[in-house]
Amino acid sequence: ALAFCISLFTGMVQAQSTDDWTLQSQKNGVKLYSKTGACGDKNMLFLRLENTNASAKHVNYHIIVESEGHNMPLLPQVIELPASGTKSGTCDGERGLATDIRNISNPRLVVVLTVN
C-alpha cells in the first residue's frame, strides 16, 4: 500500500554542525531526520533515513528548503532502505542525502515522504 504524508516543520533546523538530528517526518516505520553542517566552505543540509521495520522499504521523498521568502526545491529522491537499516548524508556520501544549501540561513523544511 502506498502511504503519503506531508509535514511542515516550522521550527528551525540546527544551525551548527553537531551530532543532533531533528526529526522532520515519519511514516510507516520510516523516519526522516535532518541537520545542517559544513563540508569545507559549503553550507550543507544532511538527511538521515531510518527504517524501524523488519522488512526493506522503498522510500520516496521530496524536500523544499524555505528561508526568508526564498524557496529552494530539491530533486525528488528514491532510496531503498534495508530492514532495520539507516542511511545518513555525509560530505562524500550517497547522493541525495547531502545537499549544498548555499547561503540559506535559518532554513525550514517542507517534506513529502512516501513509503511502501
Protein backbone atom coordinates (compact mmCIF):
# COMPACT_ATOMS: atom_id res chain seq x y z
CA ALA A 1 0.00 0.00 0.00
CA LEU A 2 1.17 3.45 -0.81
CA ALA A 3 1.20 5.89 2.08
CA PHE A 4 1.53 9.63 1.70
CA CYS A 5 2.47 12.19 4.29
CA ILE A 6 3.13 15.91 4.08
CA SER A 7 4.57 17.67 7.05
CA LEU A 8 5.71 21.22 7.52
CA PHE A 9 8.44 21.72 10.05
CA THR A 10 8.00 25.24 11.34
CA GLY A 11 10.95 25.25 13.71
CA MET A 12 14.49 25.96 12.70
CA VAL A 13 16.87 23.26 11.54
CA GLN A 14 20.02 23.04 13.63
CA ALA A 15 22.21 25.99 12.61
CA GLN A 16 25.55 24.48 13.52
CA SER A 17 27.43 21.27 12.88
CA THR A 18 26.50 18.89 15.71
CA ASP A 19 25.57 15.27 16.13
CA ASP A 20 21.98 16.32 16.82
CA TRP A 21 19.43 15.28 14.22
CA THR A 22 15.94 16.80 14.03
CA LEU A 23 13.03 14.51 13.18
CA GLN A 24 11.25 16.05 10.18
CA SER A 25 8.76 13.36 9.18
CA GLN A 26 7.84 9.74 9.83
CA LYS A 27 5.57 7.33 8.02
CA ASN A 28 5.01 3.56 8.21
CA GLY A 29 8.07 2.91 10.36
CA VAL A 30 10.45 5.12 8.37
CA LYS A 31 11.84 8.29 9.96
CA LEU A 32 13.49 11.19 8.12
CA TYR A 33 15.85 13.42 10.12
CA SER A 34 17.89 16.48 9.13
CA LYS A 35 20.72 18.66 10.34
CA THR A 36 22.92 21.36 8.84
CA GLY A 37 26.68 21.47 8.81
CA ALA A 38 29.68 22.31 6.68
CA CYS A 39 31.66 20.49 4.01
CA GLY A 40 34.68 22.71 3.50
CA ASP A 41 33.22 26.13 2.69
CA LYS A 42 29.77 24.80 1.74
CA ASN A 43 26.70 25.12 3.97
CA MET A 44 25.08 21.69 3.80
CA LEU A 45 21.78 20.04 4.64
CA PHE A 46 22.27 16.43 5.74
CA LEU A 47 19.47 13.86 5.82
CA ARG A 48 19.19 10.56 7.66
CA LEU A 49 16.61 7.88 6.92
CA GLU A 50 15.88 5.18 9.49
CA ASN A 51 13.80 2.06 8.82
CA THR A 52 12.39 0.60 12.04
CA ASN A 53 10.60 -2.20 10.16
CA ALA A 54 11.59 -5.87 9.93
CA SER A 55 11.33 -5.63 6.12
CA ALA A 56 13.04 -3.46 3.50
CA LYS A 57 11.21 -0.30 2.41
CA HIS A 58 11.11 1.72 -0.81
CA VAL A 59 11.25 5.41 0.23
CA ASN A 60 10.47 8.45 -1.93
CA TYR A 61 10.99 11.93 -0.59
CA HIS A 62 10.90 15.49 -1.84
CA ILE A 63 12.09 18.44 0.22
CA ILE A 64 11.71 22.18 -0.17
CA VAL A 65 14.12 24.34 1.84
CA GLU A 66 12.49 27.65 2.83
CA SER A 67 14.04 30.75 4.36
CA GLU A 68 13.07 34.41 4.44
CA GLY A 69 10.77 34.22 1.41
CA HIS A 70 13.11 32.06 -0.67
CA ASN A 71 12.25 28.52 -1.69
CA MET A 72 14.84 26.01 -2.84
CA PRO A 73 13.20 22.78 -4.05
CA LEU A 74 15.50 19.76 -4.00
CA LEU A 75 15.20 16.99 -6.57
CA PRO A 76 12.91 14.13 -5.52
CA GLN A 77 14.87 11.10 -4.32
CA VAL A 78 14.21 7.36 -4.18
CA ILE A 79 16.12 5.20 -1.71
CA GLU A 80 15.88 1.52 -0.78
CA LEU A 81 16.26 1.04 2.96
CA PRO A 82 17.11 -2.43 4.24
CA ALA A 83 15.22 -3.92 7.17
CA SER A 84 16.18 -2.10 10.38
CA GLY A 85 18.63 -0.05 8.30
CA THR A 86 19.80 3.56 8.38
CA LYS A 87 21.33 5.75 5.67
CA SER A 88 22.87 9.14 6.53
CA GLY A 89 24.23 12.01 4.48
CA THR A 90 27.92 12.87 4.73
CA CYS A 91 30.21 15.18 2.77
CA ASP A 92 31.33 12.34 0.50
CA GLY A 93 28.37 10.00 0.94
CA GLU A 94 25.35 8.84 -1.00
CA ARG A 95 23.82 11.30 -3.45
CA GLY A 96 20.55 12.85 -2.29
CA LEU A 97 21.35 12.65 1.42
CA ALA A 98 23.59 15.75 1.50
CA THR A 99 22.85 18.99 -0.37
CA ASP A 100 24.57 22.37 -0.61
CA ILE A 101 22.01 24.91 0.63
CA ARG A 102 24.27 27.84 -0.24
CA ASN A 103 23.68 30.96 1.83
CA ILE A 104 20.31 29.96 3.29
CA SER A 105 20.20 30.80 6.96
CA ASN A 106 17.60 29.53 9.43
CA PRO A 107 16.09 27.06 6.95
CA ARG A 108 12.69 25.44 7.39
CA LEU A 109 11.86 22.22 5.56
CA VAL A 110 8.71 21.09 3.79
CA VAL A 111 8.90 17.31 3.49
CA VAL A 112 6.84 14.95 1.32
CA LEU A 113 7.57 11.36 2.37
CA THR A 114 6.14 8.25 0.69
CA VAL A 115 6.90 4.75 1.97
CA ASN A 116 5.93 1.38 0.51
